[in-house]
């Protein structure tokens, strides 16, 4: 089983993340931030990743530390669950629409962190959630999963739809990249011999 349980404690946040990369999409999410829980549920369901997240943070200040640190801890969990990455597809991509919105996410589990993020939200907030925090989530993820991630919202008017297409596409791209490749059993997908 490609699983991981990570606990990350700082003076700002206390976070526990558990993942099963070969799951069914089951999720148990409690970050204290309802819209972030909703987005993480999309990752689990569309990525077929069993995901448990329990986070306590300094939400009396704002959501920044909690959102970023959940991304960091999720990245650590995915990296640990992947192990040496032998036999995985490595690359994943997805386009996801939701009504008028359309997003594309492409990921490379390269061992090199990099983020190219192009999402111009039409509003600064969805409910109480500050959409500027999503780039912090994804930056934390790529830095600790050691992945290259390209996120493009190609169109959209409704900020909720924009965000949801990004997270659904992220889940589907991550699923593809993490999948075991039946044609490359025991093979590391790199000419360098290391990822």
C-alpha atoms as a PDB file:
ATOM      1  CA  UNK A   1       0.000   0.000   0.000  1.00  0.00           C
ATOM      2  CA  UNK A   2       1.324   3.437  -0.963  1.00  0.00           C
ATOM      3  CA  UNK A   3       0.348   5.270   2.181  1.00  0.00           C
ATOM      4  CA  UNK A   4       1.758   7.910   4.493  1.00  0.00           C
ATOM      5  CA  UNK A   5       0.868   9.573   7.783  1.00  0.00           C
ATOM      6  CA  UNK A   6       2.523  12.919   8.450  1.00  0.00           C
ATOM      7  CA  UNK A   7       2.288  15.150  11.505  1.00  0.00           C
ATOM      8  CA  UNK A   8       3.622  18.699  11.294  1.00  0.00           C
ATOM      9  CA  UNK A   9       3.565  20.948  14.354  1.00  0.00           C
ATOM     10  CA  UNK A  10       4.674  24.572  14.490  1.00  0.00           C
ATOM     11  CA  UNK A  11       3.833  27.499  16.742  1.00  0.00           C
ATOM     12  CA  UNK A  12       1.223  28.502  14.144  1.00  0.00           C
ATOM     13  CA  UNK A  13      -0.376  25.201  13.118  1.00  0.00           C
ATOM     14  CA  UNK A  14      -0.769  21.576  14.124  1.00  0.00           C
ATOM     15  CA  UNK A  15      -1.522  19.376  11.131  1.00  0.00           C
ATOM     16  CA  UNK A  16      -2.009  15.666  10.526  1.00  0.00           C
ATOM     17  CA  UNK A  17      -2.362  14.310   6.993  1.00  0.00           C
ATOM     18  CA  UNK A  18      -2.867  10.698   5.941  1.00  0.00           C
ATOM     19  CA  UNK A  19      -2.956   9.581   2.308  1.00  0.00           C
ATOM     20  CA  UNK A  20      -3.531   6.353   0.434  1.00  0.00           C
ATOM     21  CA  UNK A  21      -2.605   6.867  -3.208  1.00  0.00           C
ATOM     22  CA  UNK A  22      -4.457   3.683  -4.179  1.00  0.00           C
ATOM     23  CA  UNK A  23      -7.666   4.568  -2.405  1.00  0.00           C
ATOM     24  CA  UNK A  24     -11.266   5.106  -3.425  1.00  0.00           C
ATOM     25  CA  UNK A  25     -11.552   8.859  -2.875  1.00  0.00           C
ATOM     26  CA  UNK A  26     -12.684   8.695   0.743  1.00  0.00           C
ATOM     27  CA  UNK A  27     -12.054  11.905   2.664  1.00  0.00           C
ATOM     28  CA  UNK A  28     -12.187  13.022   6.284  1.00  0.00           C
ATOM     29  CA  UNK A  29     -11.377  16.724   6.367  1.00  0.00           C
ATOM     30  CA  UNK A  30     -11.299  19.197   9.222  1.00  0.00           C
ATOM     31  CA  UNK A  31      -9.104  22.235   8.630  1.00  0.00           C
ATOM     32  CA  UNK A  32     -11.370  24.776  10.304  1.00  0.00           C
ATOM     33  CA  UNK A  33     -11.771  26.371   6.857  1.00  0.00           C
ATOM     34  CA  UNK A  34     -14.918  25.029   5.149  1.00  0.00           C
ATOM     35  CA  UNK A  35     -14.034  26.124   1.619  1.00  0.00           C
ATOM     36  CA  UNK A  36     -10.574  24.548   1.862  1.00  0.00           C
ATOM     37  CA  UNK A  37     -12.226  21.317   3.063  1.00  0.00           C
ATOM     38  CA  UNK A  38     -14.513  21.485   0.014  1.00  0.00           C
ATOM     39  CA  UNK A  39     -11.521  21.867  -2.313  1.00  0.00           C
ATOM     40  CA  UNK A  40      -9.564  19.053  -0.639  1.00  0.00           C
ATOM     41  CA  UNK A  41     -12.617  16.826  -1.039  1.00  0.00           C
ATOM     42  CA  UNK A  42     -12.371  17.431  -4.800  1.00  0.00           C
ATOM     43  CA  UNK A  43      -8.731  16.290  -4.762  1.00  0.00           C
ATOM     44  CA  UNK A  44      -9.614  13.100  -2.910  1.00  0.00           C
ATOM     45  CA  UNK A  45     -12.665  12.209  -4.992  1.00  0.00           C
ATOM     46  CA  UNK A  46     -11.226  13.011  -8.402  1.00  0.00           C
ATOM     47  CA  UNK A  47      -7.754  11.751  -7.527  1.00  0.00           C
ATOM     48  CA  UNK A  48      -9.095   8.513  -5.994  1.00  0.00           C
ATOM     49  CA  UNK A  49      -6.835   9.287  -3.057  1.00  0.00           C
ATOM     50  CA  UNK A  50      -8.018   8.473   0.438  1.00  0.00           C
ATOM     51  CA  UNK A  51      -7.265  11.650   2.338  1.00  0.00           C
ATOM     52  CA  UNK A  52      -7.510  12.571   5.995  1.00  0.00           C
ATOM     53  CA  UNK A  53      -6.612  16.088   7.081  1.00  0.00           C
ATOM     54  CA  UNK A  54      -6.917  17.435  10.614  1.00  0.00           C
ATOM     55  CA  UNK A  55      -5.601  20.965  11.089  1.00  0.00           C
ATOM     56  CA  UNK A  56      -5.644  23.413  13.958  1.00  0.00           C
ATOM     57  CA  UNK A  57      -4.205  26.822  13.226  1.00  0.00           C
ATOM     58  CA  UNK A  58      -4.117  30.473  14.165  1.00  0.00           C
ATOM     59  CA  UNK A  59      -7.365  31.255  12.384  1.00  0.00           C
ATOM     60  CA  UNK A  60      -7.958  34.130  14.794  1.00  0.00           C
ATOM     61  CA  UNK A  61      -5.252  35.934  12.770  1.00  0.00           C
ATOM     62  CA  UNK A  62      -6.249  34.672   9.332  1.00  0.00           C
ATOM     63  CA  UNK A  63      -6.230  31.487   7.260  1.00  0.00           C
ATOM     64  CA  UNK A  64      -2.826  31.982   5.623  1.00  0.00           C
ATOM     65  CA  UNK A  65      -0.690  29.758   7.846  1.00  0.00           C
ATOM     66  CA  UNK A  66      -3.238  26.951   7.924  1.00  0.00           C
ATOM     67  CA  UNK A  67      -3.776  26.882   4.152  1.00  0.00           C
ATOM     68  CA  UNK A  68      -0.047  27.000   3.379  1.00  0.00           C
ATOM     69  CA  UNK A  69       0.858  24.410   6.009  1.00  0.00           C
ATOM     70  CA  UNK A  70      -1.843  21.995   4.815  1.00  0.00           C
ATOM     71  CA  UNK A  71      -0.253  22.252   1.346  1.00  0.00           C
ATOM     72  CA  UNK A  72       3.189  21.590   2.830  1.00  0.00           C
ATOM     73  CA  UNK A  73       2.013  18.586   4.825  1.00  0.00           C
ATOM     74  CA  UNK A  74       0.059  17.129   1.899  1.00  0.00           C
ATOM     75  CA  UNK A  75       3.184  17.462  -0.245  1.00  0.00           C
ATOM     76  CA  UNK A  76       5.234  15.636   2.390  1.00  0.00           C
ATOM     77  CA  UNK A  77       2.641  12.860   2.584  1.00  0.00           C
ATOM     78  CA  UNK A  78       2.477  12.365  -1.187  1.00  0.00           C
ATOM     79  CA  UNK A  79       6.276  12.275  -1.427  1.00  0.00           C
ATOM     80  CA  UNK A  80       6.518   9.677   1.327  1.00  0.00           C
ATOM     81  CA  UNK A  81       3.722   7.541  -0.136  1.00  0.00           C
ATOM     82  CA  UNK A  82       5.393   7.534  -3.570  1.00  0.00           C
ATOM     83  CA  UNK A  83       8.612   6.110  -2.156  1.00  0.00           C
ATOM     84  CA  UNK A  84      11.314   5.850  -4.837  1.00  0.00           C
ATOM     85  CA  UNK A  85       8.675   6.353  -7.605  1.00  0.00           C
ATOM     86  CA  UNK A  86       9.573   3.130  -9.408  1.00  0.00           C
ATOM     87  CA  UNK A  87       6.873   2.143 -11.870  1.00  0.00           C
ATOM     88  CA  UNK A  88       4.799   5.334 -11.726  1.00  0.00           C
ATOM     89  CA  UNK A  89       3.628   7.253 -14.773  1.00  0.00           C
ATOM     90  CA  UNK A  90       5.352  10.401 -13.401  1.00  0.00           C
ATOM     91  CA  UNK A  91       3.409  12.845 -15.597  1.00  0.00           C
ATOM     92  CA  UNK A  92      -0.250  13.720 -15.287  1.00  0.00           C
ATOM     93  CA  UNK A  93      -2.608  16.224 -16.855  1.00  0.00           C
ATOM     94  CA  UNK A  94      -6.273  17.115 -16.799  1.00  0.00           C
ATOM     95  CA  UNK A  95      -8.718  19.616 -18.179  1.00  0.00           C
ATOM     96  CA  UNK A  96     -11.835  20.101 -16.054  1.00  0.00           C
ATOM     97  CA  UNK A  97     -14.871  22.277 -16.841  1.00  0.00           C
ATOM     98  CA  UNK A  98     -17.582  23.463 -14.501  1.00  0.00           C
ATOM     99  CA  UNK A  99     -20.259  25.428 -16.306  1.00  0.00           C
ATOM    100  CA  UNK A 100     -18.455  28.497 -17.730  1.00  0.00           C
ATOM    101  CA  UNK A 101     -15.111  27.774 -16.051  1.00  0.00           C
ATOM    102  CA  UNK A 102     -12.300  25.616 -17.452  1.00  0.00           C
ATOM    103  CA  UNK A 103      -8.929  24.788 -15.904  1.00  0.00           C
ATOM    104  CA  UNK A 104      -5.888  22.795 -16.960  1.00  0.00           C
ATOM    105  CA  UNK A 105      -3.382  21.226 -14.559  1.00  0.00           C
ATOM    106  CA  UNK A 106      -0.182  19.451 -15.584  1.00  0.00           C
ATOM    107  CA  UNK A 107       2.151  17.782 -13.075  1.00  0.00           C
ATOM    108  CA  UNK A 108       5.561  16.143 -13.218  1.00  0.00           C
ATOM    109  CA  UNK A 109       6.684  14.187 -10.154  1.00  0.00           C
ATOM    110  CA  UNK A 110      10.185  15.154 -11.168  1.00  0.00           C
ATOM    111  CA  UNK A 111      11.939  15.603  -7.856  1.00  0.00           C
ATOM    112  CA  UNK A 112      12.272  19.294  -8.753  1.00  0.00           C
ATOM    113  CA  UNK A 113       9.859  21.762  -7.147  1.00  0.00           C
ATOM    114  CA  UNK A 114       8.361  24.335  -9.465  1.00  0.00           C
ATOM    115  CA  UNK A 115       5.057  26.142  -9.750  1.00  0.00           C
ATOM    116  CA  UNK A 116       3.608  28.016 -12.703  1.00  0.00           C
ATOM    117  CA  UNK A 117       0.281  29.406 -11.492  1.00  0.00           C
ATOM    118  CA  UNK A 118      -2.036  31.419 -13.728  1.00  0.00           C
ATOM    119  CA  UNK A 119      -5.422  31.901 -12.094  1.00  0.00           C
ATOM    120  CA  UNK A 120      -7.025  35.329 -12.322  1.00  0.00           C
ATOM    121  CA  UNK A 121      -9.983  35.074  -9.998  1.00  0.00           C
ATOM    122  CA  UNK A 122     -12.885  37.374 -10.798  1.00  0.00           C
ATOM    123  CA  UNK A 123     -13.464  38.044  -7.083  1.00  0.00           C
ATOM    124  CA  UNK A 124     -11.063  38.264  -4.152  1.00  0.00           C
ATOM    125  CA  UNK A 125     -13.152  35.999  -1.935  1.00  0.00           C
ATOM    126  CA  UNK A 126     -15.414  32.995  -2.145  1.00  0.00           C
ATOM    127  CA  UNK A 127     -17.597  33.493   0.891  1.00  0.00           C
ATOM    128  CA  UNK A 128     -15.076  34.224   3.651  1.00  0.00           C
ATOM    129  CA  UNK A 129     -12.170  32.516   1.861  1.00  0.00           C
ATOM    130  CA  UNK A 130      -9.370  34.679   0.422  1.00  0.00           C
ATOM    131  CA  UNK A 131      -8.552  33.138  -2.977  1.00  0.00           C
ATOM    132  CA  UNK A 132      -4.994  34.579  -2.842  1.00  0.00           C
ATOM    133  CA  UNK A 133      -4.228  31.754  -0.409  1.00  0.00           C
ATOM    134  CA  UNK A 134      -4.537  29.053  -3.065  1.00  0.00           C
ATOM    135  CA  UNK A 135      -1.153  29.905  -4.566  1.00  0.00           C
ATOM    136  CA  UNK A 136       0.331  29.479  -1.071  1.00  0.00           C
ATOM    137  CA  UNK A 137      -1.260  26.031  -0.807  1.00  0.00           C
ATOM    138  CA  UNK A 138       0.152  24.905  -4.149  1.00  0.00           C
ATOM    139  CA  UNK A 139       3.591  26.433  -3.496  1.00  0.00           C
ATOM    140  CA  UNK A 140       3.757  24.537  -0.222  1.00  0.00           C
ATOM    141  CA  UNK A 141       2.704  21.350  -1.988  1.00  0.00           C
ATOM    142  CA  UNK A 142       5.267  21.527  -4.795  1.00  0.00           C
ATOM    143  CA  UNK A 143       8.115  22.467  -2.469  1.00  0.00           C
ATOM    144  CA  UNK A 144       7.542  19.397  -0.317  1.00  0.00           C
ATOM    145  CA  UNK A 145       6.297  16.896  -2.905  1.00  0.00           C
ATOM    146  CA  UNK A 146       9.245  17.937  -5.117  1.00  0.00           C
ATOM    147  CA  UNK A 147       6.904  18.259  -8.092  1.00  0.00           C
ATOM    148  CA  UNK A 148       6.622  20.600 -11.044  1.00  0.00           C
ATOM    149  CA  UNK A 149       3.060  21.895 -11.328  1.00  0.00           C
ATOM    150  CA  UNK A 150       1.445  24.054 -14.002  1.00  0.00           C
ATOM    151  CA  UNK A 151      -2.002  25.438 -13.186  1.00  0.00           C
ATOM    152  CA  UNK A 152      -3.974  27.474 -15.706  1.00  0.00           C
ATOM    153  CA  UNK A 153      -7.531  28.685 -15.351  1.00  0.00           C
ATOM    154  CA  UNK A 154      -8.377  29.150 -19.011  1.00  0.00           C
ATOM    155  CA  UNK A 155     -11.709  30.870 -18.465  1.00  0.00           C
ATOM    156  CA  UNK A 156     -14.301  31.517 -15.828  1.00  0.00           C
ATOM    157  CA  UNK A 157     -16.631  34.131 -14.397  1.00  0.00           C
ATOM    158  CA  UNK A 158     -17.644  32.562 -11.095  1.00  0.00           C
ATOM    159  CA  UNK A 159     -14.738  32.377  -8.629  1.00  0.00           C
ATOM    160  CA  UNK A 160     -16.157  29.293  -6.924  1.00  0.00           C
ATOM    161  CA  UNK A 161     -16.250  27.535 -10.289  1.00  0.00           C
ATOM    162  CA  UNK A 162     -12.720  28.692 -11.102  1.00  0.00           C
ATOM    163  CA  UNK A 163     -11.372  27.287  -7.846  1.00  0.00           C
ATOM    164  CA  UNK A 164     -13.300  24.044  -8.131  1.00  0.00           C
ATOM    165  CA  UNK A 165     -12.059  23.349 -11.663  1.00  0.00           C
ATOM    166  CA  UNK A 166      -8.475  23.938 -10.486  1.00  0.00           C
ATOM    167  CA  UNK A 167      -8.754  21.490  -7.588  1.00  0.00           C
ATOM    168  CA  UNK A 168     -10.634  18.844  -9.573  1.00  0.00           C
ATOM    169  CA  UNK A 169      -8.033  19.050 -12.344  1.00  0.00           C
ATOM    170  CA  UNK A 170      -5.246  18.891  -9.755  1.00  0.00           C
ATOM    171  CA  UNK A 171      -6.759  15.718  -8.291  1.00  0.00           C
ATOM    172  CA  UNK A 172      -7.100  14.072 -11.704  1.00  0.00           C
ATOM    173  CA  UNK A 173      -3.601  15.065 -12.830  1.00  0.00           C
ATOM    174  CA  UNK A 174      -2.104  13.835  -9.556  1.00  0.00           C
ATOM    175  CA  UNK A 175      -3.974  10.541  -9.919  1.00  0.00           C
ATOM    176  CA  UNK A 176      -2.563  10.016 -13.403  1.00  0.00           C
ATOM    177  CA  UNK A 177       0.998  10.870 -12.371  1.00  0.00           C
ATOM    178  CA  UNK A 178       0.910   8.591  -9.307  1.00  0.00           C
ATOM    179  CA  UNK A 179      -0.598   5.613 -11.122  1.00  0.00           C
ATOM    180  CA  UNK A 180       1.426   2.464 -11.564  1.00  0.00           C
ATOM    181  CA  UNK A 181       2.250   1.995 -15.246  1.00  0.00           C
ATOM    182  CA  UNK A 182       1.591  -1.635 -16.241  1.00  0.00           C
ATOM    183  CA  UNK A 183       4.088  -1.281 -19.107  1.00  0.00           C
ATOM    184  CA  UNK A 184       6.880  -0.024 -16.844  1.00  0.00           C
ATOM    185  CA  UNK A 185       6.774  -2.317 -13.806  1.00  0.00           C
ATOM    186  CA  UNK A 186       9.964  -1.887 -11.813  1.00  0.00           C
ATOM    187  CA  UNK A 187      11.185   0.907 -14.090  1.00  0.00           C
ATOM    188  CA  UNK A 188      12.027   4.373 -12.826  1.00  0.00           C
ATOM    189  CA  UNK A 189      10.616   6.875 -15.352  1.00  0.00           C
ATOM    190  CA  UNK A 190      13.804   8.918 -15.799  1.00  0.00           C
ATOM    191  CA  UNK A 191      16.847   8.702 -18.066  1.00  0.00           C
ATOM    192  CA  UNK A 192      18.884   9.986 -15.107  1.00  0.00           C
ATOM    193  CA  UNK A 193      18.101   6.881 -13.076  1.00  0.00           C
ATOM    194  CA  UNK A 194      16.760   8.983 -10.207  1.00  0.00           C
ATOM    195  CA  UNK A 195      13.786  11.204  -9.436  1.00  0.00           C
END
